């Protein structure tokens, strides 16, 4: 993604190096940001905040601790959640007691295509979607999710289970509608 020489140039405050970093990273950062920020009009502001944070904290990047891609991904996700914490995006969280306890079964989810899941994620309640994205897509542990969202790991597990149930139910509803329209 980004060569060590570009990172070194940025750390040395060389002109043009940051532009190179921006041009090489913008698609990746945009893709991640779009997953977490559902209001399309807020995405440019969040991306601007992300790259400002990259500029301000590039000195802290240490290649011995991981790749630049992992570093910028974590920074991007953290900045998206900072955006929520600052109240800049509406919160559509689902209360924990709004869904009954369920068994954690993936029945039906493995049959969904990537496109189906992406469409369903756009409709998913915000709290479920955030947990699903963090755990399933970005591979955060429940402990990391808990720290990021200020919830317990058990709450993260429960919300993930409910997100999966929501996906299964929504998929069944959509499948039933498609079959009914076809008859």
Protein backbone atom coordinates (compact mmCIF):
# COMPACT_ATOMS: atom_id res chain seq x y z
CA UNK A 1 0.00 0.00 0.00
CA UNK A 2 2.51 2.62 1.16
CA UNK A 3 6.25 2.25 0.82
CA UNK A 4 8.58 2.80 3.74
CA UNK A 5 10.23 5.62 1.79
CA UNK A 6 6.95 7.57 1.58
CA UNK A 7 6.36 7.13 5.31
CA UNK A 8 9.91 8.23 6.03
CA UNK A 9 9.46 11.25 3.75
CA UNK A 10 6.29 12.24 5.58
CA UNK A 11 7.96 11.79 8.96
CA UNK A 12 10.75 14.06 7.67
CA UNK A 13 8.07 16.58 6.57
CA UNK A 14 9.12 16.47 2.92
CA UNK A 15 6.87 18.33 0.50
CA UNK A 16 4.64 16.20 -1.71
CA UNK A 17 4.98 13.05 0.38
CA UNK A 18 1.67 13.53 2.12
CA UNK A 19 -0.07 14.03 -1.22
CA UNK A 20 1.34 10.68 -2.34
CA UNK A 21 0.09 9.03 0.84
CA UNK A 22 -3.36 10.59 0.40
CA UNK A 23 -3.62 9.48 -3.23
CA UNK A 24 -2.58 5.93 -2.38
CA UNK A 25 -4.83 5.61 0.68
CA UNK A 26 -7.99 7.56 -0.11
CA UNK A 27 -9.93 4.65 -1.64
CA UNK A 28 -9.09 2.35 1.24
CA UNK A 29 -9.99 4.98 3.85
CA UNK A 30 -13.19 5.89 1.99
CA UNK A 31 -14.31 2.25 1.83
CA UNK A 32 -13.86 1.77 5.57
CA UNK A 33 -15.44 5.12 6.41
CA UNK A 34 -18.46 4.41 4.24
CA UNK A 35 -19.10 1.18 6.14
CA UNK A 36 -19.27 3.00 9.47
CA UNK A 37 -20.70 6.39 8.54
CA UNK A 38 -24.12 5.95 6.96
CA UNK A 39 -24.86 9.62 6.31
CA UNK A 40 -23.22 10.18 2.93
CA UNK A 41 -22.91 13.95 3.49
CA UNK A 42 -20.77 13.39 6.62
CA UNK A 43 -18.20 11.13 4.94
CA UNK A 44 -16.00 13.93 3.49
CA UNK A 45 -15.77 15.60 6.90
CA UNK A 46 -14.84 12.33 8.58
CA UNK A 47 -12.23 11.58 5.92
CA UNK A 48 -10.76 15.03 6.41
CA UNK A 49 -10.56 14.32 10.17
CA UNK A 50 -8.92 10.96 9.45
CA UNK A 51 -6.19 12.42 7.25
CA UNK A 52 -5.62 15.25 9.71
CA UNK A 53 -5.15 12.58 12.39
CA UNK A 54 -2.77 10.68 10.07
CA UNK A 55 -0.68 13.83 9.57
CA UNK A 56 -0.63 14.58 13.28
CA UNK A 57 0.22 11.06 14.40
CA UNK A 58 2.41 9.71 11.58
CA UNK A 59 5.40 10.07 13.89
CA UNK A 60 3.88 7.37 16.11
CA UNK A 61 3.72 4.81 13.30
CA UNK A 62 6.13 1.97 14.04
CA UNK A 63 6.52 -0.64 11.30
CA UNK A 64 7.85 -3.14 13.84
CA UNK A 65 4.39 -3.18 15.48
CA UNK A 66 2.46 -3.86 12.28
CA UNK A 67 1.80 -2.77 8.73
CA UNK A 68 0.84 0.74 7.72
CA UNK A 69 -2.38 -0.65 6.28
CA UNK A 70 -3.37 -2.03 9.69
CA UNK A 71 -2.37 1.21 11.38
CA UNK A 72 -4.42 3.43 9.08
CA UNK A 73 -7.38 1.00 9.25
CA UNK A 74 -7.43 1.18 13.04
CA UNK A 75 -7.02 4.94 12.97
CA UNK A 76 -9.90 5.23 10.46
CA UNK A 77 -12.24 3.05 12.51
CA UNK A 78 -11.36 4.88 15.71
CA UNK A 79 -12.02 8.23 14.03
CA UNK A 80 -15.41 7.01 12.76
CA UNK A 81 -16.39 6.09 16.31
CA UNK A 82 -15.02 9.38 17.61
CA UNK A 83 -17.40 11.02 15.15
CA UNK A 84 -20.30 9.13 16.78
CA UNK A 85 -19.15 9.93 20.30
CA UNK A 86 -19.08 13.62 19.45
CA UNK A 87 -22.74 13.34 18.50
CA UNK A 88 -22.16 14.33 14.90
CA UNK A 89 -24.12 11.35 13.55
CA UNK A 90 -27.52 10.19 14.65
CA UNK A 91 -27.45 7.12 16.86
CA UNK A 92 -29.87 4.37 16.05
CA UNK A 93 -28.74 1.88 18.65
CA UNK A 94 -30.92 -1.03 19.53
CA UNK A 95 -31.62 -1.52 23.22
CA UNK A 96 -30.24 -4.76 24.59
CA UNK A 97 -33.59 -5.87 25.92
CA UNK A 98 -35.41 -5.20 22.64
CA UNK A 99 -34.65 -8.68 21.29
CA UNK A 100 -34.99 -12.01 23.05
CA UNK A 101 -31.93 -14.09 23.83
CA UNK A 102 -31.09 -16.43 20.97
CA UNK A 103 -28.69 -19.20 20.19
CA UNK A 104 -25.69 -18.10 18.16
CA UNK A 105 -26.21 -20.07 14.98
CA UNK A 106 -25.04 -19.05 11.54
CA UNK A 107 -27.81 -21.00 9.78
CA UNK A 108 -28.69 -19.12 6.63
CA UNK A 109 -25.97 -16.48 6.77
CA UNK A 110 -23.44 -18.52 4.81
CA UNK A 111 -25.97 -18.61 1.95
CA UNK A 112 -25.94 -14.83 1.59
CA UNK A 113 -23.74 -13.28 -1.08
CA UNK A 114 -21.42 -10.39 -0.29
CA UNK A 115 -23.78 -8.08 -2.18
CA UNK A 116 -26.79 -9.32 -0.18
CA UNK A 117 -24.98 -8.71 3.10
CA UNK A 118 -23.89 -5.21 1.99
CA UNK A 119 -27.50 -4.31 1.09
CA UNK A 120 -28.80 -5.68 4.37
CA UNK A 121 -26.12 -3.86 6.36
CA UNK A 122 -27.39 -0.55 4.98
CA UNK A 123 -30.79 -1.34 6.55
CA UNK A 124 -29.48 -2.78 9.81
CA UNK A 125 -29.94 -0.78 13.04
CA UNK A 126 -26.77 1.15 13.79
CA UNK A 127 -25.81 -0.64 17.01
CA UNK A 128 -26.05 -4.07 15.41
CA UNK A 129 -24.24 -2.91 12.28
CA UNK A 130 -21.31 -1.45 14.21
CA UNK A 131 -20.74 -4.65 16.18
CA UNK A 132 -21.16 -6.83 13.07
CA UNK A 133 -18.66 -4.75 11.10
CA UNK A 134 -16.11 -4.61 13.91
CA UNK A 135 -16.20 -8.31 14.76
CA UNK A 136 -16.97 -10.02 11.46
CA UNK A 137 -15.48 -7.67 8.88
CA UNK A 138 -12.63 -5.95 10.74
CA UNK A 139 -11.89 -8.92 13.04
CA UNK A 140 -11.83 -7.06 16.34
CA UNK A 141 -12.16 -9.20 19.45
CA UNK A 142 -15.16 -8.68 21.70
CA UNK A 143 -12.78 -7.22 24.29
CA UNK A 144 -11.50 -4.66 21.75
CA UNK A 145 -15.06 -3.82 20.68
CA UNK A 146 -16.01 -3.36 24.31
CA UNK A 147 -13.16 -0.93 24.87
CA UNK A 148 -13.90 0.98 21.67
CA UNK A 149 -17.63 1.31 22.30
CA UNK A 150 -17.49 1.46 26.10
CA UNK A 151 -19.51 -1.73 26.54
CA UNK A 152 -18.71 -5.10 28.07
CA UNK A 153 -17.40 -7.97 25.91
CA UNK A 154 -20.58 -9.86 26.84
CA UNK A 155 -22.71 -7.03 25.45
CA UNK A 156 -20.64 -7.14 22.26
CA UNK A 157 -21.25 -10.90 21.94
CA UNK A 158 -24.96 -10.46 22.58
CA UNK A 159 -25.27 -7.63 20.05
CA UNK A 160 -23.40 -9.70 17.45
CA UNK A 161 -25.75 -12.61 18.03
CA UNK A 162 -28.73 -10.30 17.62
CA UNK A 163 -27.21 -8.74 14.49
CA UNK A 164 -26.88 -12.19 12.96
CA UNK A 165 -30.47 -12.98 13.90
CA UNK A 166 -31.60 -9.69 12.36
CA UNK A 167 -29.74 -10.58 9.14
CA UNK A 168 -31.30 -14.06 9.03
CA UNK A 169 -34.81 -12.69 9.65
CA UNK A 170 -34.40 -9.89 7.11
CA UNK A 171 -33.04 -12.36 4.55
CA UNK A 172 -36.01 -14.69 5.12
CA UNK A 173 -38.42 -11.77 4.74
CA UNK A 174 -36.75 -10.67 1.49
CA UNK A 175 -36.71 -14.25 0.17
CA UNK A 176 -40.42 -14.65 0.96
CA UNK A 177 -41.27 -11.38 -0.82
CA UNK A 178 -39.24 -12.43 -3.87
CA UNK A 179 -41.02 -15.79 -4.01
CA UNK A 180 -44.45 -14.18 -3.56
CA UNK A 181 -43.75 -11.66 -6.35
CA UNK A 182 -42.62 -14.44 -8.65
CA UNK A 183 -45.81 -16.50 -8.25
